[in-house]
């Protein structure tokens, strides 16, 4: 269901931060993913730890965590959130791509979707930076929300496409 009201616009159509002060704090959770497509040779180098800049997966994971904690600095109308957990995982997904997943959790008055999305975006950018010297054709794809849970709107899970579907966390 798509909301017919844009919450970040006031009655005059000006951008504004949403007032969440009257909302109760509830457990919020979001799961996002991104993919980085690379050459099979680059992926083999990543898996073997043979990148000149070092452990690309570790760098990307840390970049994702660092960025997710600072989502409100990336997104102008995003509320600063005190995250209780932010997990970023990277894994090979076939011969020519890396799948990045981030899970954000907080006890807050507003959701943590942006924190999870910023985390996967930053991790993808960091991974690109780590491989660009050997693979200029690397591409960042499919930055998207898979799941959000908590708050007044409850649970949302991305509808499955053929052969795909929202992955749920191990937690």
N, C-alpha and C. Protein backbone atom coordinates (compact mmCIF):
# COMPACT_ATOMS: atom_id res chain seq x y z
N UNK A 1 0.84 -1.17 0.00
CA UNK A 1 0.00 0.00 0.00
C UNK A 1 0.89 1.24 0.00
N UNK A 2 0.59 2.15 -0.86
CA UNK A 2 1.37 3.39 -0.98
C UNK A 2 0.59 4.50 -0.27
N UNK A 3 1.30 5.25 0.56
CA UNK A 3 0.67 6.37 1.26
C UNK A 3 0.37 7.47 0.26
N UNK A 4 -0.78 8.11 0.42
CA UNK A 4 -1.15 9.21 -0.47
C UNK A 4 -0.66 10.54 0.04
N UNK A 5 -0.06 10.56 1.24
CA UNK A 5 0.40 11.80 1.84
C UNK A 5 1.91 11.76 1.97
N UNK A 6 2.56 12.80 1.47
CA UNK A 6 4.01 12.90 1.61
C UNK A 6 4.31 13.55 2.95
N UNK A 7 4.88 12.79 3.85
CA UNK A 7 5.06 13.26 5.23
C UNK A 7 6.15 14.30 5.40
N UNK A 8 7.04 14.42 4.44
CA UNK A 8 8.15 15.36 4.57
C UNK A 8 7.87 16.71 3.89
N UNK A 9 6.60 16.96 3.59
CA UNK A 9 6.20 18.25 3.04
C UNK A 9 5.15 18.87 3.95
N UNK A 10 5.29 20.17 4.21
CA UNK A 10 4.26 20.85 5.00
C UNK A 10 3.09 21.23 4.10
N UNK A 11 2.09 21.91 4.65
CA UNK A 11 0.89 22.25 3.88
C UNK A 11 1.19 23.17 2.70
N UNK A 12 2.29 23.88 2.74
CA UNK A 12 2.69 24.76 1.63
C UNK A 12 3.62 24.05 0.64
N UNK A 13 3.91 22.77 0.87
CA UNK A 13 4.76 22.02 -0.04
C UNK A 13 6.24 22.16 0.23
N UNK A 14 6.60 22.75 1.37
CA UNK A 14 8.02 22.91 1.72
C UNK A 14 8.52 21.69 2.48
N UNK A 15 9.77 21.32 2.20
CA UNK A 15 10.37 20.17 2.88
C UNK A 15 10.53 20.47 4.36
N UNK A 16 10.25 19.46 5.18
CA UNK A 16 10.39 19.62 6.63
C UNK A 16 10.68 18.25 7.26
N UNK A 17 11.28 18.31 8.41
CA UNK A 17 11.49 17.09 9.18
C UNK A 17 10.16 16.75 9.86
N UNK A 18 9.83 15.48 9.90
CA UNK A 18 8.59 15.04 10.53
C UNK A 18 8.74 15.09 12.04
N UNK A 19 7.73 15.61 12.73
CA UNK A 19 7.73 15.65 14.19
C UNK A 19 7.30 14.28 14.72
N UNK A 20 8.21 13.57 15.38
CA UNK A 20 7.92 12.25 15.91
C UNK A 20 7.81 12.26 17.44
N UNK A 21 7.77 13.44 18.04
CA UNK A 21 7.82 13.55 19.50
C UNK A 21 6.64 12.89 20.20
N UNK A 22 5.51 12.77 19.55
CA UNK A 22 4.33 12.17 20.19
C UNK A 22 4.28 10.65 20.00
N UNK A 23 5.16 10.11 19.19
CA UNK A 23 5.15 8.68 18.91
C UNK A 23 5.87 7.92 20.02
N UNK A 24 5.37 6.73 20.37
CA UNK A 24 6.08 5.93 21.37
C UNK A 24 7.31 5.27 20.75
N UNK A 25 8.32 5.06 21.56
CA UNK A 25 9.50 4.31 21.10
C UNK A 25 9.13 2.84 21.04
N UNK A 26 9.38 2.21 19.91
CA UNK A 26 9.15 0.78 19.74
C UNK A 26 10.37 0.19 19.07
N UNK A 27 10.46 -1.13 19.10
CA UNK A 27 11.58 -1.80 18.44
C UNK A 27 11.41 -1.68 16.93
N UNK A 28 12.41 -1.15 16.28
CA UNK A 28 12.40 -0.96 14.83
C UNK A 28 13.51 -1.80 14.23
N UNK A 29 13.23 -2.38 13.08
CA UNK A 29 14.23 -3.21 12.41
C UNK A 29 14.08 -3.01 10.91
N UNK A 30 15.19 -2.95 10.21
CA UNK A 30 15.17 -2.86 8.76
C UNK A 30 16.30 -3.70 8.18
N UNK A 31 16.03 -4.28 7.03
CA UNK A 31 17.00 -5.10 6.32
C UNK A 31 17.09 -4.56 4.89
N UNK A 32 18.30 -4.27 4.44
CA UNK A 32 18.51 -3.75 3.09
C UNK A 32 19.61 -4.55 2.41
N UNK A 33 19.65 -4.44 1.08
CA UNK A 33 20.70 -5.13 0.34
C UNK A 33 21.17 -4.26 -0.82
N UNK A 34 22.35 -4.60 -1.30
CA UNK A 34 22.92 -4.03 -2.53
C UNK A 34 23.78 -5.12 -3.14
N UNK A 35 24.04 -4.97 -4.43
CA UNK A 35 24.94 -5.89 -5.11
C UNK A 35 26.03 -5.09 -5.80
N UNK A 36 27.21 -5.68 -5.87
CA UNK A 36 28.29 -5.11 -6.67
C UNK A 36 28.68 -6.18 -7.68
N UNK A 37 28.50 -5.84 -8.96
CA UNK A 37 28.86 -6.76 -10.04
C UNK A 37 30.31 -6.46 -10.43
N UNK A 38 31.12 -7.52 -10.53
CA UNK A 38 32.53 -7.38 -10.89
C UNK A 38 32.92 -8.49 -11.84
N UNK A 39 34.09 -8.41 -12.36
CA UNK A 39 34.56 -9.49 -13.22
C UNK A 39 34.81 -10.72 -12.34
N UNK A 40 34.65 -11.91 -12.90
CA UNK A 40 34.95 -13.12 -12.12
C UNK A 40 36.38 -13.14 -11.59
N UNK A 41 37.32 -12.58 -12.35
CA UNK A 41 38.72 -12.54 -11.89
C UNK A 41 38.84 -11.67 -10.64
N UNK A 42 38.16 -10.53 -10.65
CA UNK A 42 38.20 -9.63 -9.48
C UNK A 42 37.59 -10.32 -8.27
N UNK A 43 36.49 -11.01 -8.47
CA UNK A 43 35.87 -11.70 -7.34
C UNK A 43 36.80 -12.78 -6.80
N UNK A 44 37.48 -13.48 -7.65
CA UNK A 44 38.45 -14.49 -7.17
C UNK A 44 39.55 -13.82 -6.37
N UNK A 45 40.01 -12.66 -6.84
CA UNK A 45 41.06 -11.91 -6.09
C UNK A 45 40.53 -11.49 -4.72
N UNK A 46 39.29 -11.03 -4.67
CA UNK A 46 38.69 -10.62 -3.39
C UNK A 46 38.64 -11.80 -2.43
N UNK A 47 38.14 -12.92 -2.92
CA UNK A 47 37.99 -14.10 -2.07
C UNK A 47 39.33 -14.63 -1.58
N UNK A 48 40.36 -14.45 -2.39
CA UNK A 48 41.70 -14.94 -2.01
C UNK A 48 42.47 -13.91 -1.18
N UNK A 49 41.88 -12.73 -0.93
CA UNK A 49 42.56 -11.70 -0.16
C UNK A 49 43.74 -11.10 -0.89
N UNK A 50 43.66 -10.99 -2.21
CA UNK A 50 44.80 -10.53 -3.02
C UNK A 50 44.64 -9.10 -3.52
N UNK A 51 43.84 -8.28 -2.87
CA UNK A 51 43.69 -6.89 -3.30
C UNK A 51 44.83 -6.06 -2.72
N UNK A 52 45.40 -5.20 -3.54
CA UNK A 52 46.55 -4.39 -3.12
C UNK A 52 46.24 -3.50 -1.92
N UNK A 53 44.99 -3.04 -1.81
CA UNK A 53 44.62 -2.14 -0.72
C UNK A 53 44.31 -2.88 0.58
N UNK A 54 44.27 -4.20 0.55
CA UNK A 54 44.01 -4.96 1.77
C UNK A 54 42.69 -5.72 1.72
N UNK A 55 42.16 -6.05 2.87
CA UNK A 55 40.94 -6.85 3.00
C UNK A 55 39.73 -6.00 2.61
N UNK A 56 39.32 -6.10 1.37
CA UNK A 56 38.25 -5.26 0.84
C UNK A 56 36.93 -5.51 1.55
N UNK A 57 36.63 -6.75 1.90
CA UNK A 57 35.37 -7.03 2.59
C UNK A 57 35.35 -6.39 3.97
N UNK A 58 36.47 -6.44 4.68
CA UNK A 58 36.53 -5.82 6.01
C UNK A 58 36.37 -4.30 5.91
N UNK A 59 37.03 -3.70 4.94
CA UNK A 59 36.93 -2.25 4.75
C UNK A 59 35.48 -1.87 4.42
N UNK A 60 34.86 -2.61 3.51
CA UNK A 60 33.48 -2.32 3.11
C UNK A 60 32.52 -2.50 4.29
N UNK A 61 32.73 -3.55 5.07
CA UNK A 61 31.87 -3.80 6.23
C UNK A 61 31.96 -2.63 7.22
N UNK A 62 33.17 -2.19 7.51
CA UNK A 62 33.35 -1.07 8.44
C UNK A 62 32.79 0.24 7.87
N UNK A 63 32.97 0.46 6.56
CA UNK A 63 32.40 1.65 5.94
C UNK A 63 30.89 1.65 6.07
N UNK A 64 30.28 0.49 5.88
CA UNK A 64 28.83 0.38 6.02
C UNK A 64 28.35 0.69 7.43
N UNK A 65 29.02 0.14 8.41
CA UNK A 65 28.65 0.40 9.80
C UNK A 65 28.83 1.88 10.13
N UNK A 66 29.96 2.42 9.76
CA UNK A 66 30.23 3.83 10.04
C UNK A 66 29.18 4.73 9.39
N UNK A 67 28.86 4.48 8.13
CA UNK A 67 27.89 5.32 7.42
C UNK A 67 26.49 5.15 7.98
N UNK A 68 26.10 3.91 8.26
CA UNK A 68 24.75 3.67 8.81
C UNK A 68 24.51 4.43 10.10
N UNK A 69 25.55 4.53 10.93
CA UNK A 69 25.43 5.28 12.18
C UNK A 69 25.28 6.78 11.94
N UNK A 70 25.61 7.23 10.74
CA UNK A 70 25.58 8.66 10.41
C UNK A 70 24.59 8.98 9.30
N UNK A 71 23.57 8.16 9.16
CA UNK A 71 22.60 8.33 8.07
C UNK A 71 21.98 9.73 8.06
N UNK A 72 21.75 10.29 9.23
CA UNK A 72 21.13 11.62 9.28
C UNK A 72 22.05 12.70 8.72
N UNK A 73 23.34 12.41 8.61
CA UNK A 73 24.26 13.37 7.98
C UNK A 73 24.27 13.22 6.46
N UNK A 74 23.82 12.09 5.97
CA UNK A 74 23.73 11.85 4.53
C UNK A 74 22.39 12.33 3.97
N UNK A 75 21.33 12.11 4.74
CA UNK A 75 19.95 12.35 4.28
C UNK A 75 19.41 13.55 5.06
N UNK A 76 19.14 14.68 4.39
CA UNK A 76 18.82 15.93 5.09
C UNK A 76 17.67 15.87 6.09
N UNK A 77 16.59 15.13 5.82
CA UNK A 77 15.44 15.14 6.72
C UNK A 77 15.35 13.89 7.59
N UNK A 78 16.41 13.13 7.63
CA UNK A 78 16.46 11.90 8.41
C UNK A 78 16.77 12.24 9.88
N UNK A 79 16.02 11.63 10.79
CA UNK A 79 16.26 11.86 12.22
C UNK A 79 17.54 11.15 12.67
N UNK A 80 18.30 11.77 13.55
CA UNK A 80 19.42 11.04 14.17
C UNK A 80 18.87 9.90 15.02
N UNK A 81 19.39 8.71 14.82
CA UNK A 81 18.89 7.51 15.51
C UNK A 81 20.02 6.94 16.37
N UNK A 82 19.67 6.52 17.56
CA UNK A 82 20.62 5.78 18.40
C UNK A 82 20.41 4.30 18.09
N UNK A 83 21.27 3.76 17.25
CA UNK A 83 21.15 2.36 16.86
C UNK A 83 21.56 1.44 18.00
N UNK A 84 20.80 0.37 18.16
CA UNK A 84 21.15 -0.66 19.13
C UNK A 84 21.98 -1.75 18.48
N UNK A 85 21.82 -1.92 17.17
CA UNK A 85 22.61 -2.90 16.44
C UNK A 85 22.63 -2.50 14.97
N UNK A 86 23.75 -2.71 14.33
CA UNK A 86 23.89 -2.51 12.89
C UNK A 86 24.88 -3.54 12.40
N UNK A 87 24.39 -4.46 11.60
CA UNK A 87 25.20 -5.54 11.07
C UNK A 87 25.32 -5.36 9.56
N UNK A 88 26.51 -5.49 9.03
CA UNK A 88 26.75 -5.42 7.59
C UNK A 88 27.52 -6.67 7.20
N UNK A 89 26.98 -7.44 6.25
CA UNK A 89 27.61 -8.67 5.79
C UNK A 89 27.82 -8.60 4.28
N UNK A 90 28.93 -9.16 3.81
CA UNK A 90 29.23 -9.26 2.39
C UNK A 90 29.53 -10.71 2.07
N UNK A 91 29.06 -11.15 0.90
CA UNK A 91 29.34 -12.52 0.48
C UNK A 91 29.25 -12.60 -1.03
N UNK A 92 30.06 -13.50 -1.61
CA UNK A 92 29.96 -13.75 -3.04
C UNK A 92 28.57 -14.31 -3.33
N UNK A 93 28.00 -13.84 -4.43
CA UNK A 93 26.67 -14.30 -4.84
C UNK A 93 26.76 -14.66 -6.32
N UNK A 94 27.34 -15.78 -6.61
CA UNK A 94 27.57 -16.17 -7.98
C UNK A 94 28.99 -15.84 -8.40
N UNK A 95 29.30 -16.06 -9.67
CA UNK A 95 30.68 -15.89 -10.13
C UNK A 95 31.10 -14.45 -10.36
N UNK A 96 30.13 -13.50 -10.36
CA UNK A 96 30.50 -12.14 -10.73
C UNK A 96 29.79 -11.07 -9.90
N UNK A 97 29.41 -11.41 -8.68
CA UNK A 97 28.78 -10.38 -7.87
C UNK A 97 28.96 -10.65 -6.38
N UNK A 98 28.92 -9.55 -5.65
CA UNK A 98 28.95 -9.60 -4.18
C UNK A 98 27.62 -9.06 -3.69
N UNK A 99 27.01 -9.75 -2.76
CA UNK A 99 25.77 -9.29 -2.14
C UNK A 99 26.13 -8.68 -0.79
N UNK A 100 25.59 -7.51 -0.55
CA UNK A 100 25.81 -6.81 0.72
C UNK A 100 24.46 -6.72 1.41
N UNK A 101 24.42 -7.07 2.69
CA UNK A 101 23.18 -6.98 3.46
C UNK A 101 23.47 -6.21 4.74
N UNK A 102 22.56 -5.34 5.11
CA UNK A 102 22.67 -4.61 6.38
C UNK A 102 21.36 -4.75 7.14
N UNK A 103 21.49 -4.96 8.43
CA UNK A 103 20.35 -5.00 9.33
C UNK A 103 20.56 -3.96 10.41
N UNK A 104 19.60 -3.06 10.54
CA UNK A 104 19.64 -2.03 11.57
C UNK A 104 18.51 -2.30 12.57
N UNK A 105 18.82 -2.11 13.85
CA UNK A 105 17.84 -2.32 14.92
C UNK A 105 17.96 -1.18 15.92
N UNK A 106 16.81 -0.68 16.36
CA UNK A 106 16.81 0.39 17.37
C UNK A 106 15.48 0.39 18.12
N UNK A 107 15.52 0.88 19.33
CA UNK A 107 14.32 1.17 20.10
C UNK A 107 14.12 2.68 19.94
N UNK A 108 13.25 3.07 19.02
CA UNK A 108 13.13 4.47 18.63
C UNK A 108 11.70 4.85 18.29
N UNK A 109 11.50 6.14 17.99
CA UNK A 109 10.19 6.68 17.60
C UNK A 109 9.99 6.71 16.10
N UNK A 110 11.03 6.41 15.35
CA UNK A 110 10.96 6.39 13.89
C UNK A 110 11.82 5.26 13.37
N UNK A 111 11.56 4.87 12.13
CA UNK A 111 12.17 3.68 11.56
C UNK A 111 13.66 3.81 11.27
N UNK A 112 14.25 2.67 10.95
CA UNK A 112 15.69 2.58 10.70
C UNK A 112 15.99 2.15 9.26
N UNK A 113 15.03 2.36 8.37
CA UNK A 113 15.23 1.98 6.97
C UNK A 113 16.40 2.74 6.35
N UNK A 114 16.47 4.03 6.61
CA UNK A 114 17.53 4.83 6.00
C UNK A 114 18.91 4.40 6.50
N UNK A 115 19.00 4.01 7.76
CA UNK A 115 20.27 3.55 8.30
C UNK A 115 20.74 2.28 7.59
N UNK A 116 19.82 1.34 7.36
CA UNK A 116 20.17 0.10 6.66
C UNK A 116 20.53 0.40 5.20
N UNK A 117 19.76 1.26 4.55
CA UNK A 117 20.04 1.60 3.14
C UNK A 117 21.36 2.35 2.98
N UNK A 118 21.63 3.30 3.86
CA UNK A 118 22.90 4.03 3.80
C UNK A 118 24.06 3.08 4.06
N UNK A 119 23.87 2.13 4.97
CA UNK A 119 24.93 1.17 5.27
C UNK A 119 25.29 0.34 4.04
N UNK A 120 24.29 -0.20 3.32
CA UNK A 120 24.63 -1.02 2.14
C UNK A 120 25.20 -0.16 1.02
N UNK A 121 24.70 1.08 0.89
CA UNK A 121 25.23 1.97 -0.16
C UNK A 121 26.69 2.30 0.11
N UNK A 122 27.02 2.63 1.34
CA UNK A 122 28.40 2.97 1.68
C UNK A 122 29.31 1.76 1.56
N UNK A 123 28.83 0.60 1.98
CA UNK A 123 29.64 -0.61 1.84
C UNK A 123 29.91 -0.91 0.37
N UNK A 124 28.90 -0.72 -0.48
CA UNK A 124 29.08 -0.94 -1.92
C UNK A 124 30.08 0.06 -2.50
N UNK A 125 29.99 1.31 -2.10
CA UNK A 125 30.93 2.33 -2.57
C UNK A 125 32.36 2.02 -2.12
N UNK A 126 32.51 1.58 -0.88
CA UNK A 126 33.84 1.24 -0.37
C UNK A 126 34.41 0.04 -1.11
N UNK A 127 33.56 -0.96 -1.39
CA UNK A 127 34.03 -2.12 -2.13
C UNK A 127 34.45 -1.70 -3.54
N UNK A 128 33.66 -0.84 -4.16
CA UNK A 128 34.03 -0.32 -5.48
C UNK A 128 35.40 0.38 -5.41
N UNK A 129 35.59 1.20 -4.41
CA UNK A 129 36.87 1.89 -4.26
C UNK A 129 38.03 0.90 -4.11
N UNK A 130 37.79 -0.19 -3.43
CA UNK A 130 38.85 -1.17 -3.21
C UNK A 130 39.21 -1.94 -4.48
N UNK A 131 38.25 -2.08 -5.42
CA UNK A 131 38.52 -2.89 -6.61
C UNK A 131 38.74 -2.08 -7.88
N UNK A 132 38.51 -0.78 -7.84
CA UNK A 132 38.53 0.03 -9.07
C UNK A 132 39.87 0.00 -9.79
N UNK A 133 40.95 -0.20 -9.10
CA UNK A 133 42.26 -0.23 -9.77
C UNK A 133 42.40 -1.45 -10.68
N UNK A 134 41.70 -2.54 -10.37
CA UNK A 134 41.79 -3.74 -11.19
C UNK A 134 40.53 -4.01 -12.00
N UNK A 135 39.44 -3.30 -11.68
CA UNK A 135 38.17 -3.57 -12.37
C UNK A 135 37.34 -2.29 -12.48
N UNK A 136 37.64 -1.49 -13.48
CA UNK A 136 36.90 -0.23 -13.69
C UNK A 136 35.45 -0.48 -14.10
N UNK A 137 35.12 -1.68 -14.52
CA UNK A 137 33.76 -1.97 -14.97
C UNK A 137 32.84 -2.40 -13.83
N UNK A 138 33.32 -2.43 -12.60
CA UNK A 138 32.47 -2.82 -11.47
C UNK A 138 31.24 -1.91 -11.41
N UNK A 139 30.10 -2.47 -11.03
CA UNK A 139 28.85 -1.72 -10.97
C UNK A 139 28.13 -1.99 -9.66
N UNK A 140 27.55 -0.96 -9.11
CA UNK A 140 26.70 -1.08 -7.92
C UNK A 140 25.26 -1.21 -8.41
N UNK A 141 24.56 -2.23 -7.91
CA UNK A 141 23.21 -2.51 -8.36
C UNK A 141 22.27 -2.78 -7.18
N UNK A 142 21.01 -2.57 -7.43
CA UNK A 142 19.94 -3.06 -6.55
C UNK A 142 20.04 -2.64 -5.10
N UNK A 143 20.30 -1.37 -4.84
CA UNK A 143 20.24 -0.88 -3.46
C UNK A 143 18.77 -0.80 -3.12
N UNK A 144 18.33 -1.62 -2.16
CA UNK A 144 16.90 -1.66 -1.88
C UNK A 144 16.59 -2.18 -0.49
N UNK A 145 15.44 -1.79 -0.02
CA UNK A 145 14.93 -2.25 1.27
C UNK A 145 14.27 -3.61 1.07
N UNK A 146 14.59 -4.55 1.95
CA UNK A 146 13.99 -5.88 1.90
C UNK A 146 12.89 -6.05 2.94
N UNK A 147 13.08 -5.41 4.09
CA UNK A 147 12.16 -5.61 5.19
C UNK A 147 12.22 -4.42 6.13
N UNK A 148 11.07 -4.04 6.66
CA UNK A 148 11.04 -3.08 7.77
C UNK A 148 9.99 -3.59 8.74
N UNK A 149 10.29 -3.41 10.01
CA UNK A 149 9.41 -3.95 11.04
C UNK A 149 9.37 -2.97 12.20
N UNK A 150 8.17 -2.81 12.77
CA UNK A 150 8.00 -1.97 13.95
C UNK A 150 7.24 -0.69 13.65
N UNK A 151 6.80 -0.07 14.71
CA UNK A 151 6.08 1.18 14.56
C UNK A 151 4.63 0.97 14.16
N UNK A 152 3.97 2.07 13.89
CA UNK A 152 2.54 2.06 13.58
C UNK A 152 2.23 1.28 12.30
N UNK A 153 3.10 1.38 11.32
CA UNK A 153 2.81 0.70 10.05
C UNK A 153 3.14 -0.79 10.08
N UNK A 154 3.76 -1.26 11.14
CA UNK A 154 4.02 -2.69 11.30
C UNK A 154 5.11 -3.23 10.41
N UNK A 155 4.87 -4.42 9.86
CA UNK A 155 5.89 -5.15 9.10
C UNK A 155 5.63 -5.01 7.60
N UNK A 156 6.72 -4.79 6.85
CA UNK A 156 6.66 -4.80 5.40
C UNK A 156 7.81 -5.67 4.91
N UNK A 157 7.51 -6.55 3.97
CA UNK A 157 8.52 -7.40 3.35
C UNK A 157 8.40 -7.22 1.85
N UNK A 158 9.53 -6.99 1.18
CA UNK A 158 9.53 -6.81 -0.27
C UNK A 158 8.89 -8.03 -0.92
N UNK A 159 7.90 -7.81 -1.76
CA UNK A 159 7.29 -8.95 -2.46
C UNK A 159 8.34 -9.68 -3.29
N UNK A 160 8.25 -10.97 -3.28
CA UNK A 160 9.23 -11.80 -3.99
C UNK A 160 9.03 -11.68 -5.49
N UNK A 161 10.13 -11.62 -6.19
CA UNK A 161 10.14 -11.71 -7.65
C UNK A 161 10.54 -13.14 -8.00
N UNK A 162 10.30 -13.57 -9.24
CA UNK A 162 10.67 -14.95 -9.60
C UNK A 162 12.13 -15.24 -9.27
N UNK A 163 12.33 -16.29 -8.50
CA UNK A 163 13.69 -16.70 -8.16
C UNK A 163 14.35 -15.85 -7.11
N UNK A 164 13.65 -14.87 -6.58
CA UNK A 164 14.24 -13.99 -5.57
C UNK A 164 13.24 -13.84 -4.43
N UNK A 165 13.70 -13.25 -3.38
CA UNK A 165 12.80 -12.98 -2.28
C UNK A 165 13.56 -12.32 -1.16
N UNK A 166 12.83 -11.72 -0.29
CA UNK A 166 13.46 -11.07 0.85
C UNK A 166 14.08 -12.13 1.73
N UNK A 167 15.30 -11.92 2.09
CA UNK A 167 15.99 -12.81 3.03
C UNK A 167 15.73 -12.28 4.43
N UNK A 168 15.45 -13.17 5.34
CA UNK A 168 15.27 -12.71 6.70
C UNK A 168 16.56 -12.94 7.47
N UNK A 169 16.76 -12.16 8.47
CA UNK A 169 17.98 -12.20 9.25
C UNK A 169 18.10 -13.50 10.03
N UNK A 170 19.29 -13.78 10.45
CA UNK A 170 19.54 -14.93 11.31
C UNK A 170 19.07 -14.67 12.73
N UNK A 171 18.68 -13.47 13.03
CA UNK A 171 18.32 -13.13 14.41
C UNK A 171 16.90 -13.46 14.71
